[in-house]
Amino acid sequence: MENYSLKRLSLSDFNEMRNNDENKYELIDGIVLMSPRPNIKHQEVMGNLYLEIGNFLKGKNCKIFTEIEVQFEDNVLIPDISVICGIENTEIQRYKKAPEIVIEILSPSSRYTDSFTKLYKYELFGVKEYWIANPDLETINIYNFENKTNKEYTKSIKLISDIFNKLEINLCDIFK
């Protein structure tokens, strides 16, 4: 279950926090969210998406990352997967621009935050596509913020990214 701080923190206070556990800590509008490590199904879906997209990106000027810290203004988010093009310095701890694609895999504890709070934040921050993968329903919703469109993909419909129009994914390869 996601836990929230009762006290609002500044970005500076958040940066000074010391976390010696395996949890993920994010800062959204001054509120610290703590999420436990994901379950095996979540990790399986994340790994399958990483492999499919990573293979597509070979030889391109874009990279795929899992759980990279992304900072927008005073918010620090940790998407499950990010696709970033033109990144030159990979020695940094936190990326401070909008990724082209951000993917969150729903967990029971993160469903609301991923479906509403992060949807809104990622659009404000300039992310081009936001994918929400639902392992229970075996669907992926793609919100294309540039075109103001939303499309749900199921196992019977091949996923096609508007950002990378040749990126096609059969969801049978994701939800095995």
N, C-alpha and C. Protein backbone atom coordinates (compact mmCIF):
# COMPACT_ATOMS: atom_id res chain seq x y z
N MET A 1 0.83 -1.18 0.00
CA MET A 1 0.00 0.00 0.00
C MET A 1 0.88 1.24 0.00
N GLU A 2 0.49 2.24 -0.80
CA GLU A 2 1.22 3.50 -0.84
C GLU A 2 0.95 4.27 0.44
N ASN A 3 1.99 4.81 1.03
CA ASN A 3 1.85 5.63 2.22
C ASN A 3 2.19 7.07 1.85
N TYR A 4 1.51 8.00 2.49
CA TYR A 4 1.70 9.41 2.23
C TYR A 4 2.21 10.09 3.49
N SER A 5 3.03 11.12 3.31
CA SER A 5 3.50 11.90 4.46
C SER A 5 2.38 12.83 4.90
N LEU A 6 2.35 13.12 6.16
CA LEU A 6 1.37 14.06 6.69
C LEU A 6 1.88 15.49 6.60
N LYS A 7 3.18 15.65 6.52
CA LYS A 7 3.81 16.96 6.47
C LYS A 7 4.28 17.23 5.04
N ARG A 8 4.04 18.42 4.56
CA ARG A 8 4.54 18.79 3.23
C ARG A 8 6.03 19.11 3.31
N LEU A 9 6.76 18.64 2.31
CA LEU A 9 8.20 18.88 2.27
C LEU A 9 8.56 19.70 1.04
N SER A 10 9.61 20.47 1.16
CA SER A 10 10.17 21.15 0.00
C SER A 10 11.05 20.15 -0.75
N LEU A 11 11.44 20.51 -1.96
CA LEU A 11 12.35 19.66 -2.72
C LEU A 11 13.67 19.51 -1.96
N SER A 12 14.13 20.57 -1.36
CA SER A 12 15.38 20.53 -0.58
C SER A 12 15.26 19.55 0.59
N ASP A 13 14.15 19.62 1.33
CA ASP A 13 13.93 18.68 2.45
C ASP A 13 13.88 17.24 1.94
N PHE A 14 13.20 17.05 0.82
CA PHE A 14 13.09 15.71 0.23
C PHE A 14 14.47 15.18 -0.15
N ASN A 15 15.28 16.03 -0.73
CA ASN A 15 16.63 15.61 -1.14
C ASN A 15 17.50 15.22 0.05
N GLU A 16 17.22 15.77 1.21
CA GLU A 16 18.00 15.46 2.41
C GLU A 16 17.51 14.21 3.14
N MET A 17 16.37 13.69 2.75
CA MET A 17 15.87 12.47 3.39
C MET A 17 16.85 11.33 3.18
N ARG A 18 17.03 10.52 4.15
CA ARG A 18 17.89 9.33 4.05
C ARG A 18 16.99 8.11 4.12
N ASN A 19 17.02 7.34 3.07
CA ASN A 19 16.18 6.15 3.00
C ASN A 19 17.07 4.93 2.89
N ASN A 20 17.03 4.11 3.89
CA ASN A 20 17.87 2.92 3.91
C ASN A 20 17.05 1.65 3.72
N ASP A 21 15.97 1.76 2.99
CA ASP A 21 15.13 0.59 2.76
C ASP A 21 14.95 0.39 1.26
N GLU A 22 14.16 -0.58 0.89
CA GLU A 22 13.96 -0.94 -0.52
C GLU A 22 12.75 -0.24 -1.14
N ASN A 23 12.14 0.70 -0.44
CA ASN A 23 10.94 1.36 -0.93
C ASN A 23 11.29 2.47 -1.91
N LYS A 24 10.29 2.86 -2.71
CA LYS A 24 10.42 3.99 -3.63
C LYS A 24 9.81 5.21 -2.95
N TYR A 25 10.48 6.34 -3.03
CA TYR A 25 9.97 7.58 -2.46
C TYR A 25 9.85 8.61 -3.58
N GLU A 26 8.66 9.19 -3.70
CA GLU A 26 8.40 10.21 -4.70
C GLU A 26 7.86 11.45 -3.99
N LEU A 27 8.04 12.60 -4.62
CA LEU A 27 7.53 13.86 -4.08
C LEU A 27 6.59 14.47 -5.10
N ILE A 28 5.33 14.61 -4.72
CA ILE A 28 4.33 15.20 -5.60
C ILE A 28 3.62 16.31 -4.83
N ASP A 29 3.80 17.54 -5.29
CA ASP A 29 3.18 18.70 -4.66
C ASP A 29 3.46 18.77 -3.16
N GLY A 30 4.68 18.46 -2.77
CA GLY A 30 5.09 18.56 -1.38
C GLY A 30 4.75 17.35 -0.53
N ILE A 31 4.07 16.38 -1.11
CA ILE A 31 3.68 15.17 -0.37
C ILE A 31 4.61 14.04 -0.76
N VAL A 32 5.17 13.37 0.24
CA VAL A 32 6.05 12.22 -0.02
C VAL A 32 5.20 10.96 -0.11
N LEU A 33 5.37 10.24 -1.21
CA LEU A 33 4.69 8.96 -1.39
C LEU A 33 5.73 7.86 -1.25
N MET A 34 5.41 6.86 -0.48
CA MET A 34 6.30 5.71 -0.31
C MET A 34 5.57 4.50 -0.87
N SER A 35 6.23 3.80 -1.78
CA SER A 35 5.66 2.60 -2.37
C SER A 35 6.58 1.42 -2.09
N PRO A 36 6.01 0.29 -1.70
CA PRO A 36 6.84 -0.91 -1.50
C PRO A 36 7.30 -1.45 -2.84
N ARG A 37 8.24 -2.36 -2.80
CA ARG A 37 8.73 -3.00 -4.02
C ARG A 37 7.55 -3.71 -4.70
N PRO A 38 7.53 -3.72 -6.02
CA PRO A 38 6.41 -4.34 -6.75
C PRO A 38 6.41 -5.86 -6.65
N ASN A 39 5.21 -6.43 -6.86
CA ASN A 39 5.09 -7.89 -6.83
C ASN A 39 5.66 -8.50 -8.11
N ILE A 40 5.69 -9.80 -8.17
CA ILE A 40 6.31 -10.52 -9.29
C ILE A 40 5.58 -10.25 -10.61
N LYS A 41 4.26 -10.23 -10.60
CA LYS A 41 3.49 -9.97 -11.83
C LYS A 41 3.84 -8.59 -12.38
N HIS A 42 3.89 -7.61 -11.51
CA HIS A 42 4.26 -6.24 -11.90
C HIS A 42 5.65 -6.24 -12.56
N GLN A 43 6.59 -6.92 -11.94
CA GLN A 43 7.95 -6.97 -12.47
C GLN A 43 8.02 -7.73 -13.80
N GLU A 44 7.20 -8.76 -13.94
CA GLU A 44 7.17 -9.51 -15.19
C GLU A 44 6.68 -8.62 -16.34
N VAL A 45 5.60 -7.89 -16.11
CA VAL A 45 5.07 -6.99 -17.14
C VAL A 45 6.10 -5.90 -17.46
N MET A 46 6.72 -5.33 -16.43
CA MET A 46 7.74 -4.31 -16.64
C MET A 46 8.91 -4.86 -17.45
N GLY A 47 9.36 -6.05 -17.12
CA GLY A 47 10.47 -6.67 -17.85
C GLY A 47 10.12 -6.94 -19.30
N ASN A 48 8.91 -7.43 -19.55
CA ASN A 48 8.49 -7.72 -20.93
C ASN A 48 8.40 -6.44 -21.76
N LEU A 49 7.85 -5.38 -21.17
CA LEU A 49 7.79 -4.10 -21.89
C LEU A 49 9.20 -3.56 -22.15
N TYR A 50 10.06 -3.67 -21.16
CA TYR A 50 11.44 -3.20 -21.30
C TYR A 50 12.13 -3.92 -22.47
N LEU A 51 11.97 -5.22 -22.55
CA LEU A 51 12.61 -5.98 -23.64
C LEU A 51 12.05 -5.58 -25.01
N GLU A 52 10.74 -5.50 -25.12
CA GLU A 52 10.12 -5.16 -26.42
C GLU A 52 10.54 -3.77 -26.88
N ILE A 53 10.43 -2.80 -25.99
CA ILE A 53 10.77 -1.43 -26.37
C ILE A 53 12.28 -1.28 -26.54
N GLY A 54 13.06 -1.90 -25.67
CA GLY A 54 14.52 -1.84 -25.78
C GLY A 54 15.01 -2.38 -27.11
N ASN A 55 14.44 -3.51 -27.56
CA ASN A 55 14.82 -4.06 -28.87
C ASN A 55 14.47 -3.10 -29.99
N PHE A 56 13.32 -2.45 -29.91
CA PHE A 56 12.91 -1.48 -30.93
C PHE A 56 13.88 -0.29 -30.98
N LEU A 57 14.37 0.14 -29.82
CA LEU A 57 15.20 1.34 -29.76
C LEU A 57 16.66 1.12 -30.15
N LYS A 58 17.08 -0.14 -30.35
CA LYS A 58 18.48 -0.40 -30.74
C LYS A 58 18.84 0.40 -31.98
N GLY A 59 19.97 1.11 -31.89
CA GLY A 59 20.44 1.90 -33.02
C GLY A 59 19.79 3.27 -33.13
N LYS A 60 18.86 3.60 -32.25
CA LYS A 60 18.22 4.90 -32.28
C LYS A 60 18.83 5.79 -31.19
N ASN A 61 18.53 7.07 -31.24
CA ASN A 61 19.08 8.03 -30.28
C ASN A 61 18.21 8.12 -29.02
N CYS A 62 17.60 7.02 -28.64
CA CYS A 62 16.73 6.99 -27.48
C CYS A 62 17.14 5.81 -26.60
N LYS A 63 16.91 5.97 -25.30
CA LYS A 63 17.24 4.90 -24.35
C LYS A 63 16.03 4.62 -23.48
N ILE A 64 15.98 3.41 -22.97
CA ILE A 64 14.90 3.01 -22.07
C ILE A 64 15.49 2.81 -20.68
N PHE A 65 14.75 3.27 -19.67
CA PHE A 65 15.20 3.19 -18.29
C PHE A 65 14.07 2.65 -17.41
N THR A 66 14.45 1.92 -16.36
CA THR A 66 13.48 1.53 -15.35
C THR A 66 13.77 2.33 -14.09
N GLU A 67 12.70 2.82 -13.51
CA GLU A 67 12.73 3.51 -12.22
C GLU A 67 13.78 4.61 -12.13
N ILE A 68 13.92 5.39 -13.19
CA ILE A 68 14.80 6.55 -13.16
C ILE A 68 14.05 7.68 -12.45
N GLU A 69 14.77 8.46 -11.65
CA GLU A 69 14.16 9.61 -10.99
C GLU A 69 14.01 10.73 -12.02
N VAL A 70 12.80 11.28 -12.11
CA VAL A 70 12.51 12.37 -13.03
C VAL A 70 12.02 13.56 -12.21
N GLN A 71 12.67 14.70 -12.39
CA GLN A 71 12.30 15.88 -11.62
C GLN A 71 11.64 16.90 -12.53
N PHE A 72 10.46 17.35 -12.13
CA PHE A 72 9.74 18.42 -12.81
C PHE A 72 9.42 19.47 -11.76
N GLU A 73 9.97 20.65 -11.90
CA GLU A 73 9.78 21.70 -10.90
C GLU A 73 10.13 21.12 -9.53
N ASP A 74 9.22 21.14 -8.58
CA ASP A 74 9.51 20.63 -7.24
C ASP A 74 8.93 19.23 -7.02
N ASN A 75 8.72 18.50 -8.08
CA ASN A 75 8.19 17.14 -8.00
C ASN A 75 9.26 16.15 -8.43
N VAL A 76 9.32 15.02 -7.75
CA VAL A 76 10.25 13.94 -8.12
C VAL A 76 9.42 12.68 -8.26
N LEU A 77 9.36 12.17 -9.49
CA LEU A 77 8.58 10.97 -9.78
C LEU A 77 9.52 9.86 -10.23
N ILE A 78 9.11 8.63 -9.99
CA ILE A 78 9.91 7.48 -10.42
C ILE A 78 9.01 6.56 -11.25
N PRO A 79 8.92 6.83 -12.56
CA PRO A 79 8.11 5.97 -13.41
C PRO A 79 8.70 4.55 -13.46
N ASP A 80 7.83 3.57 -13.69
CA ASP A 80 8.33 2.21 -13.86
C ASP A 80 9.28 2.14 -15.06
N ILE A 81 8.88 2.77 -16.17
CA ILE A 81 9.70 2.78 -17.38
C ILE A 81 9.64 4.18 -17.99
N SER A 82 10.78 4.65 -18.50
CA SER A 82 10.86 5.92 -19.22
C SER A 82 11.64 5.70 -20.51
N VAL A 83 11.21 6.36 -21.57
CA VAL A 83 11.97 6.40 -22.82
C VAL A 83 12.42 7.84 -23.00
N ILE A 84 13.73 8.02 -23.10
CA ILE A 84 14.32 9.35 -23.20
C ILE A 84 15.19 9.40 -24.44
N CYS A 85 14.98 10.41 -25.26
CA CYS A 85 15.77 10.58 -26.48
C CYS A 85 16.76 11.73 -26.30
N GLY A 86 17.94 11.55 -26.87
CA GLY A 86 18.95 12.60 -26.86
C GLY A 86 19.65 12.80 -25.53
N ILE A 87 19.53 11.87 -24.62
CA ILE A 87 20.22 12.03 -23.33
C ILE A 87 21.71 11.84 -23.54
N GLU A 88 22.49 12.77 -23.02
CA GLU A 88 23.93 12.71 -23.21
C GLU A 88 24.65 12.22 -21.96
N ASN A 89 24.19 12.66 -20.80
CA ASN A 89 24.87 12.32 -19.55
C ASN A 89 24.04 11.31 -18.77
N THR A 90 24.51 10.07 -18.71
CA THR A 90 23.79 9.06 -17.94
C THR A 90 24.40 8.86 -16.55
N GLU A 91 25.30 9.74 -16.15
CA GLU A 91 25.91 9.66 -14.83
C GLU A 91 25.10 10.43 -13.78
N ILE A 92 24.04 11.10 -14.21
CA ILE A 92 23.25 11.90 -13.28
C ILE A 92 22.30 11.02 -12.47
N GLN A 93 21.92 11.49 -11.31
CA GLN A 93 20.98 10.76 -10.46
C GLN A 93 19.54 11.02 -10.89
N ARG A 94 19.26 12.22 -11.36
CA ARG A 94 17.90 12.63 -11.63
C ARG A 94 17.82 13.33 -12.98
N TYR A 95 16.89 12.89 -13.82
CA TYR A 95 16.69 13.51 -15.14
C TYR A 95 15.71 14.67 -14.97
N LYS A 96 16.03 15.82 -15.57
CA LYS A 96 15.23 17.02 -15.32
C LYS A 96 14.49 17.55 -16.55
N LYS A 97 14.19 16.67 -17.48
CA LYS A 97 13.37 17.02 -18.65
C LYS A 97 12.28 15.97 -18.78
N ALA A 98 11.34 16.23 -19.64
CA ALA A 98 10.24 15.29 -19.84
C ALA A 98 10.67 14.15 -20.76
N PRO A 99 10.50 12.90 -20.33
CA PRO A 99 10.74 11.77 -21.23
C PRO A 99 9.72 11.77 -22.37
N GLU A 100 10.06 11.11 -23.46
CA GLU A 100 9.11 10.98 -24.56
C GLU A 100 7.93 10.09 -24.14
N ILE A 101 8.26 8.97 -23.51
CA ILE A 101 7.24 8.02 -23.05
C ILE A 101 7.49 7.70 -21.59
N VAL A 102 6.42 7.66 -20.81
CA VAL A 102 6.46 7.21 -19.43
C VAL A 102 5.45 6.09 -19.31
N ILE A 103 5.85 5.01 -18.63
CA ILE A 103 4.96 3.86 -18.43
C ILE A 103 4.87 3.55 -16.94
N GLU A 104 3.65 3.39 -16.47
CA GLU A 104 3.40 2.93 -15.10
C GLU A 104 2.61 1.63 -15.19
N ILE A 105 3.00 0.65 -14.40
CA ILE A 105 2.27 -0.62 -14.30
C ILE A 105 1.46 -0.54 -13.02
N LEU A 106 0.15 -0.69 -13.15
CA LEU A 106 -0.73 -0.55 -11.99
C LEU A 106 -0.50 -1.66 -10.98
N SER A 107 -0.51 -1.26 -9.73
CA SER A 107 -0.53 -2.17 -8.59
C SER A 107 -1.73 -1.76 -7.75
N PRO A 108 -2.25 -2.66 -6.94
CA PRO A 108 -3.39 -2.26 -6.10
C PRO A 108 -3.10 -0.99 -5.28
N SER A 109 -1.88 -0.85 -4.81
CA SER A 109 -1.55 0.30 -3.96
C SER A 109 -1.34 1.59 -4.74
N SER A 110 -1.03 1.50 -6.04
CA SER A 110 -0.70 2.71 -6.80
C SER A 110 -1.77 3.08 -7.83
N ARG A 111 -2.84 2.32 -7.89
CA ARG A 111 -3.86 2.51 -8.94
C ARG A 111 -4.34 3.96 -9.03
N TYR A 112 -4.75 4.55 -7.91
CA TYR A 112 -5.27 5.91 -7.95
C TYR A 112 -4.19 6.91 -8.36
N THR A 113 -3.04 6.83 -7.72
CA THR A 113 -1.96 7.78 -8.02
C THR A 113 -1.54 7.69 -9.48
N ASP A 114 -1.37 6.47 -10.00
CA ASP A 114 -0.94 6.30 -11.39
C ASP A 114 -2.02 6.73 -12.38
N SER A 115 -3.28 6.47 -12.07
CA SER A 115 -4.39 6.73 -13.00
C SER A 115 -4.86 8.18 -13.01
N PHE A 116 -4.64 8.89 -11.92
CA PHE A 116 -5.15 10.26 -11.86
C PHE A 116 -4.04 11.28 -11.59
N THR A 117 -3.38 11.18 -10.46
CA THR A 117 -2.39 12.18 -10.07
C THR A 117 -1.25 12.25 -11.08
N LYS A 118 -0.66 11.11 -11.39
CA LYS A 118 0.49 11.10 -12.31
C LYS A 118 0.05 11.40 -13.75
N LEU A 119 -1.14 10.98 -14.13
CA LEU A 119 -1.66 11.31 -15.46
C LEU A 119 -1.65 12.82 -15.65
N TYR A 120 -2.16 13.53 -14.69
CA TYR A 120 -2.22 14.99 -14.74
C TYR A 120 -0.81 15.59 -14.73
N LYS A 121 0.04 15.11 -13.82
CA LYS A 121 1.39 15.66 -13.71
C LYS A 121 2.21 15.44 -14.98
N TYR A 122 2.16 14.22 -15.52
CA TYR A 122 2.95 13.94 -16.71
C TYR A 122 2.51 14.82 -17.89
N GLU A 123 1.22 15.08 -18.01
CA GLU A 123 0.76 15.96 -19.08
C GLU A 123 1.31 17.38 -18.87
N LEU A 124 1.21 17.89 -17.65
CA LEU A 124 1.72 19.23 -17.35
C LEU A 124 3.21 19.35 -17.63
N PHE A 125 3.96 18.27 -17.38
CA PHE A 125 5.41 18.32 -17.50
C PHE A 125 5.91 18.11 -18.92
N GLY A 126 5.02 17.83 -19.86
CA GLY A 126 5.43 17.73 -21.25
C GLY A 126 5.76 16.33 -21.76
N VAL A 127 5.40 15.29 -21.00
CA VAL A 127 5.57 13.92 -21.50
C VAL A 127 4.69 13.77 -22.74
N LYS A 128 5.20 13.13 -23.78
CA LYS A 128 4.43 12.99 -25.02
C LYS A 128 3.40 11.88 -24.93
N GLU A 129 3.81 10.71 -24.41
CA GLU A 129 2.88 9.59 -24.24
C GLU A 129 3.00 9.02 -22.84
N TYR A 130 1.86 8.73 -22.26
CA TYR A 130 1.82 8.09 -20.94
C TYR A 130 1.05 6.79 -21.10
N TRP A 131 1.73 5.69 -20.79
CA TRP A 131 1.12 4.37 -20.89
C TRP A 131 0.80 3.88 -19.48
N ILE A 132 -0.41 3.37 -19.30
CA ILE A 132 -0.80 2.75 -18.04
C ILE A 132 -1.11 1.29 -18.34
N ALA A 133 -0.26 0.40 -17.83
CA ALA A 133 -0.44 -1.04 -18.04
C ALA A 133 -1.20 -1.62 -16.85
N ASN A 134 -2.25 -2.37 -17.15
CA ASN A 134 -3.06 -2.99 -16.10
C ASN A 134 -2.90 -4.51 -16.18
N PRO A 135 -2.08 -5.10 -15.32
CA PRO A 135 -1.86 -6.55 -15.38
C PRO A 135 -3.12 -7.37 -15.10
N ASP A 136 -4.04 -6.83 -14.29
CA ASP A 136 -5.26 -7.58 -13.97
C ASP A 136 -6.17 -7.70 -15.19
N LEU A 137 -6.34 -6.60 -15.91
CA LEU A 137 -7.20 -6.61 -17.10
C LEU A 137 -6.44 -6.96 -18.38
N GLU A 138 -5.11 -7.00 -18.28
CA GLU A 138 -4.23 -7.26 -19.43
C GLU A 138 -4.47 -6.24 -20.54
N THR A 139 -4.46 -4.96 -20.14
CA THR A 139 -4.65 -3.86 -21.07
C THR A 139 -3.56 -2.82 -20.87
N ILE A 140 -3.37 -2.01 -21.90
CA ILE A 140 -2.51 -0.83 -21.79
C ILE A 140 -3.28 0.34 -22.39
N ASN A 141 -3.42 1.39 -21.60
CA ASN A 141 -4.02 2.65 -22.07
C ASN A 141 -2.89 3.59 -22.42
N ILE A 142 -2.97 4.17 -23.61
CA ILE A 142 -1.98 5.16 -24.02
C ILE A 142 -2.65 6.52 -24.13
N TYR A 143 -2.12 7.45 -23.35
CA TYR A 143 -2.56 8.84 -23.41
C TYR A 143 -1.52 9.59 -24.21
N ASN A 144 -1.91 10.08 -25.39
CA ASN A 144 -1.00 10.88 -26.21
C ASN A 144 -1.36 12.34 -25.95
N PHE A 145 -0.49 13.01 -25.20
CA PHE A 145 -0.79 14.38 -24.79
C PHE A 145 -0.60 15.38 -25.93
N GLU A 146 0.22 15.06 -26.92
CA GLU A 146 0.38 15.96 -28.07
C GLU A 146 -0.88 15.99 -28.92
N ASN A 147 -1.45 14.81 -29.17
CA ASN A 147 -2.64 14.71 -30.03
C ASN A 147 -3.94 14.76 -29.25
N LYS A 148 -3.84 14.79 -27.90
CA LYS A 148 -5.02 14.79 -27.03
C LYS A 148 -5.91 13.58 -27.30
N THR A 149 -5.26 12.40 -27.36
CA THR A 149 -6.00 11.17 -27.61
C THR A 149 -5.71 10.15 -26.51
N ASN A 150 -6.59 9.20 -26.40
CA ASN A 150 -6.45 8.10 -25.44
C ASN A 150 -6.97 6.85 -26.13
N LYS A 151 -6.17 5.78 -26.05
CA LYS A 151 -6.60 4.53 -26.67
C LYS A 151 -6.26 3.36 -25.76
N GLU A 152 -7.22 2.44 -25.63
CA GLU A 152 -6.98 1.23 -24.83
C GLU A 152 -6.65 0.08 -25.76
N TYR A 153 -5.58 -0.64 -25.41
CA TYR A 153 -5.14 -1.80 -26.18
C TYR A 153 -5.35 -3.06 -25.34
N THR A 154 -5.83 -4.10 -26.00
CA THR A 154 -6.02 -5.40 -25.36
C THR A 154 -5.18 -6.42 -26.13
N LYS A 155 -5.23 -7.65 -25.69
CA LYS A 155 -4.46 -8.70 -26.37
C LYS A 155 -4.88 -8.88 -27.83
N SER A 156 -6.11 -8.49 -28.16
CA SER A 156 -6.59 -8.67 -29.53
C SER A 156 -6.24 -7.50 -30.45
N ILE A 157 -5.67 -6.43 -29.89
CA ILE A 157 -5.31 -5.25 -30.68
C ILE A 157 -3.82 -4.99 -30.51
N LYS A 158 -3.10 -4.91 -31.62
CA LYS A 158 -1.66 -4.64 -31.56
C LYS A 158 -1.43 -3.18 -31.15
N LEU A 159 -0.62 -2.98 -30.13
CA LEU A 159 -0.30 -1.65 -29.64
C LEU A 159 0.62 -0.96 -30.63
N ILE A 160 0.28 0.28 -30.96
CA ILE A 160 1.11 1.09 -31.85
C ILE A 160 1.30 2.46 -31.19
N SER A 161 2.54 2.86 -31.03
CA SER A 161 2.85 4.15 -30.43
C SER A 161 2.75 5.24 -31.49
N ASP A 162 2.12 6.36 -31.15
CA ASP A 162 2.09 7.51 -32.06
C ASP A 162 3.42 8.23 -32.08
N ILE A 163 4.17 8.15 -30.99
CA ILE A 163 5.47 8.82 -30.91
C ILE A 163 6.50 8.08 -31.79
N PHE A 164 6.51 6.77 -31.69
CA PHE A 164 7.39 5.94 -32.51
C PHE A 164 6.47 5.06 -33.36
N ASN A 165 6.06 5.57 -34.53
CA ASN A 165 5.00 4.90 -35.28
C ASN A 165 5.34 3.50 -35.78
N LYS A 166 6.57 3.11 -35.70
CA LYS A 166 6.91 1.74 -36.09
C LYS A 166 7.03 0.82 -34.89
N LEU A 167 6.83 1.37 -33.70
CA LEU A 167 6.84 0.57 -32.48
C LEU A 167 5.48 -0.11 -32.34
N GLU A 168 5.48 -1.39 -32.59
CA GLU A 168 4.27 -2.20 -32.48
C GLU A 168 4.54 -3.32 -31.49
N ILE A 169 3.60 -3.52 -30.57
CA ILE A 169 3.77 -4.54 -29.54
C ILE A 169 2.52 -5.39 -29.46
N ASN A 170 2.73 -6.69 -29.55
CA ASN A 170 1.64 -7.64 -29.35
C ASN A 170 1.51 -7.87 -27.84
N LEU A 171 0.38 -7.54 -27.28
CA LEU A 171 0.22 -7.63 -25.82
C LEU A 171 0.24 -9.07 -25.31
N CYS A 172 0.12 -10.04 -26.21
CA CYS A 172 0.31 -11.44 -25.79
C CYS A 172 1.75 -11.68 -25.33
N ASP A 173 2.69 -10.84 -25.85
CA ASP A 173 4.09 -10.95 -25.44
C ASP A 173 4.35 -10.22 -24.12
N ILE A 174 3.43 -9.38 -23.71
CA ILE A 174 3.58 -8.61 -22.47
C ILE A 174 2.89 -9.31 -21.31
N PHE A 175 1.65 -9.72 -21.54
CA PHE A 175 0.84 -10.36 -20.50
C PHE A 175 0.80 -11.86 -20.80
N LYS A 176 1.81 -12.59 -20.34
CA LYS A 176 1.92 -14.02 -20.64
C LYS A 176 1.26 -14.84 -19.57
